[in-house]
Amino acid sequence: MQFIKNLVRDEAGATAIEYGLIAALIAVAAIAAMQGLGNQLSATFTEVSTKMKG
């Protein structure tokens, strides 16, 4: 019974999970931003290439 009481009071595991969720959210936001930037960069290079050919 004491083990269960200690387990309920222990917040270290919950804190680690929260930090993991925050890190995952930041990673998802960074990936989304990089994909958007990559699409814009690709369009810019395509436009420059087209203008250089013509």
N, C-alpha and C. Protein backbone atom coordinates (compact mmCIF):
# COMPACT_ATOMS: atom_id res chain seq x y z
N MET A 1 0.82 -1.20 0.00
CA MET A 1 0.00 0.00 0.00
C MET A 1 0.87 1.26 0.00
N GLN A 2 1.97 1.20 0.72
CA GLN A 2 2.88 2.35 0.78
C GLN A 2 3.45 2.65 -0.61
N PHE A 3 3.70 1.61 -1.39
CA PHE A 3 4.24 1.80 -2.74
C PHE A 3 3.28 2.61 -3.60
N ILE A 4 2.00 2.31 -3.50
CA ILE A 4 0.99 3.02 -4.29
C ILE A 4 0.89 4.48 -3.86
N LYS A 5 0.97 4.73 -2.55
CA LYS A 5 0.94 6.11 -2.06
C LYS A 5 2.14 6.89 -2.58
N ASN A 6 3.31 6.27 -2.54
CA ASN A 6 4.51 6.93 -3.05
C ASN A 6 4.41 7.18 -4.55
N LEU A 7 3.83 6.23 -5.26
CA LEU A 7 3.68 6.36 -6.71
C LEU A 7 2.74 7.51 -7.06
N VAL A 8 1.68 7.68 -6.28
CA VAL A 8 0.73 8.76 -6.53
C VAL A 8 1.36 10.11 -6.24
N ARG A 9 2.19 10.19 -5.20
CA ARG A 9 2.83 11.45 -4.83
C ARG A 9 4.00 11.82 -5.74
N ASP A 10 4.61 10.84 -6.37
CA ASP A 10 5.78 11.08 -7.22
C ASP A 10 5.36 11.80 -8.49
N GLU A 11 5.92 12.98 -8.73
CA GLU A 11 5.57 13.76 -9.90
C GLU A 11 6.68 13.76 -10.95
N ALA A 12 7.76 13.08 -10.71
CA ALA A 12 8.89 13.09 -11.65
C ALA A 12 8.50 12.49 -12.99
N GLY A 13 7.74 11.41 -12.97
CA GLY A 13 7.32 10.79 -14.21
C GLY A 13 6.39 11.68 -15.01
N ALA A 14 5.48 12.34 -14.33
CA ALA A 14 4.55 13.25 -15.00
C ALA A 14 5.31 14.43 -15.61
N THR A 15 6.31 14.93 -14.90
CA THR A 15 7.11 16.03 -15.42
C THR A 15 7.87 15.61 -16.66
N ALA A 16 8.42 14.42 -16.65
CA ALA A 16 9.15 13.93 -17.82
C ALA A 16 8.22 13.78 -19.02
N ILE A 17 7.01 13.30 -18.78
CA ILE A 17 6.04 13.18 -19.87
C ILE A 17 5.67 14.56 -20.41
N GLU A 18 5.48 15.51 -19.53
CA GLU A 18 5.15 16.87 -19.97
C GLU A 18 6.27 17.46 -20.82
N TYR A 19 7.51 17.28 -20.39
CA TYR A 19 8.63 17.78 -21.18
C TYR A 19 8.70 17.07 -22.53
N GLY A 20 8.41 15.80 -22.55
CA GLY A 20 8.39 15.05 -23.81
C GLY A 20 7.31 15.57 -24.76
N LEU A 21 6.14 15.86 -24.22
CA LEU A 21 5.06 16.40 -25.05
C LEU A 21 5.40 17.79 -25.58
N ILE A 22 6.03 18.61 -24.75
CA ILE A 22 6.44 19.94 -25.20
C ILE A 22 7.48 19.82 -26.31
N ALA A 23 8.44 18.93 -26.15
CA ALA A 23 9.47 18.73 -27.17
C ALA A 23 8.85 18.23 -28.47
N ALA A 24 7.87 17.34 -28.38
CA ALA A 24 7.20 16.84 -29.58
C ALA A 24 6.43 17.95 -30.28
N LEU A 25 5.77 18.80 -29.52
CA LEU A 25 5.03 19.91 -30.10
C LEU A 25 5.96 20.88 -30.81
N ILE A 26 7.09 21.18 -30.20
CA ILE A 26 8.08 22.07 -30.83
C ILE A 26 8.62 21.44 -32.11
N ALA A 27 8.86 20.13 -32.08
CA ALA A 27 9.36 19.44 -33.28
C ALA A 27 8.34 19.49 -34.41
N VAL A 28 7.08 19.28 -34.09
CA VAL A 28 6.03 19.33 -35.12
C VAL A 28 5.94 20.74 -35.71
N ALA A 29 6.00 21.75 -34.86
CA ALA A 29 5.94 23.13 -35.34
C ALA A 29 7.15 23.46 -36.22
N ALA A 30 8.32 22.99 -35.83
CA ALA A 30 9.52 23.25 -36.62
C ALA A 30 9.45 22.55 -37.97
N ILE A 31 8.97 21.32 -37.99
CA ILE A 31 8.84 20.59 -39.26
C ILE A 31 7.85 21.29 -40.18
N ALA A 32 6.73 21.75 -39.64
CA ALA A 32 5.73 22.45 -40.45
C ALA A 32 6.31 23.74 -41.02
N ALA A 33 7.05 24.48 -40.20
CA ALA A 33 7.64 25.73 -40.67
C ALA A 33 8.70 25.47 -41.74
N MET A 34 9.50 24.43 -41.57
CA MET A 34 10.54 24.12 -42.55
C MET A 34 9.94 23.65 -43.88
N GLN A 35 8.82 22.92 -43.81
CA GLN A 35 8.17 22.49 -45.05
C GLN A 35 7.63 23.69 -45.81
N GLY A 36 7.03 24.62 -45.11
CA GLY A 36 6.52 25.83 -45.75
C GLY A 36 7.64 26.65 -46.36
N LEU A 37 8.72 26.78 -45.63
CA LEU A 37 9.88 27.52 -46.13
C LEU A 37 10.49 26.80 -47.32
N GLY A 38 10.55 25.49 -47.27
CA GLY A 38 11.10 24.70 -48.38
C GLY A 38 10.28 24.86 -49.64
N ASN A 39 8.96 24.89 -49.51
CA ASN A 39 8.09 25.08 -50.67
C ASN A 39 8.30 26.47 -51.28
N GLN A 40 8.42 27.49 -50.45
CA GLN A 40 8.66 28.84 -50.95
C GLN A 40 10.02 28.94 -51.62
N LEU A 41 11.02 28.31 -51.03
CA LEU A 41 12.37 28.34 -51.59
C LEU A 41 12.41 27.62 -52.93
N SER A 42 11.72 26.51 -53.03
CA SER A 42 11.66 25.77 -54.29
C SER A 42 10.99 26.61 -55.37
N ALA A 43 9.91 27.29 -55.02
CA ALA A 43 9.22 28.14 -55.99
C ALA A 43 10.12 29.29 -56.43
N THR A 44 10.88 29.86 -55.53
CA THR A 44 11.79 30.95 -55.86
C THR A 44 12.87 30.48 -56.82
N PHE A 45 13.48 29.33 -56.54
CA PHE A 45 14.52 28.82 -57.42
C PHE A 45 13.96 28.46 -58.80
N THR A 46 12.75 27.93 -58.82
CA THR A 46 12.12 27.61 -60.10
C THR A 46 11.89 28.88 -60.91
N GLU A 47 11.41 29.92 -60.25
CA GLU A 47 11.17 31.19 -60.94
C GLU A 47 12.48 31.79 -61.47
N VAL A 48 13.52 31.75 -60.68
CA VAL A 48 14.82 32.29 -61.10
C VAL A 48 15.35 31.48 -62.28
N SER A 49 15.25 30.18 -62.19
CA SER A 49 15.72 29.30 -63.28
C SER A 49 14.97 29.59 -64.58
N THR A 50 13.65 29.77 -64.47
CA THR A 50 12.84 30.04 -65.65
C THR A 50 13.23 31.39 -66.28
N LYS A 51 13.47 32.38 -65.46
CA LYS A 51 13.84 33.71 -65.97
C LYS A 51 15.24 33.69 -66.59
N MET A 52 16.13 32.87 -66.05
CA MET A 52 17.49 32.79 -66.61
C MET A 52 17.48 32.09 -67.97
N LYS A 53 16.57 31.13 -68.15
CA LYS A 53 16.49 30.42 -69.43
C LYS A 53 15.89 31.31 -70.51
N GLY A 54 14.97 32.20 -70.11
CA GLY A 54 14.24 32.98 -71.10
C GLY A 54 14.81 34.30 -71.31
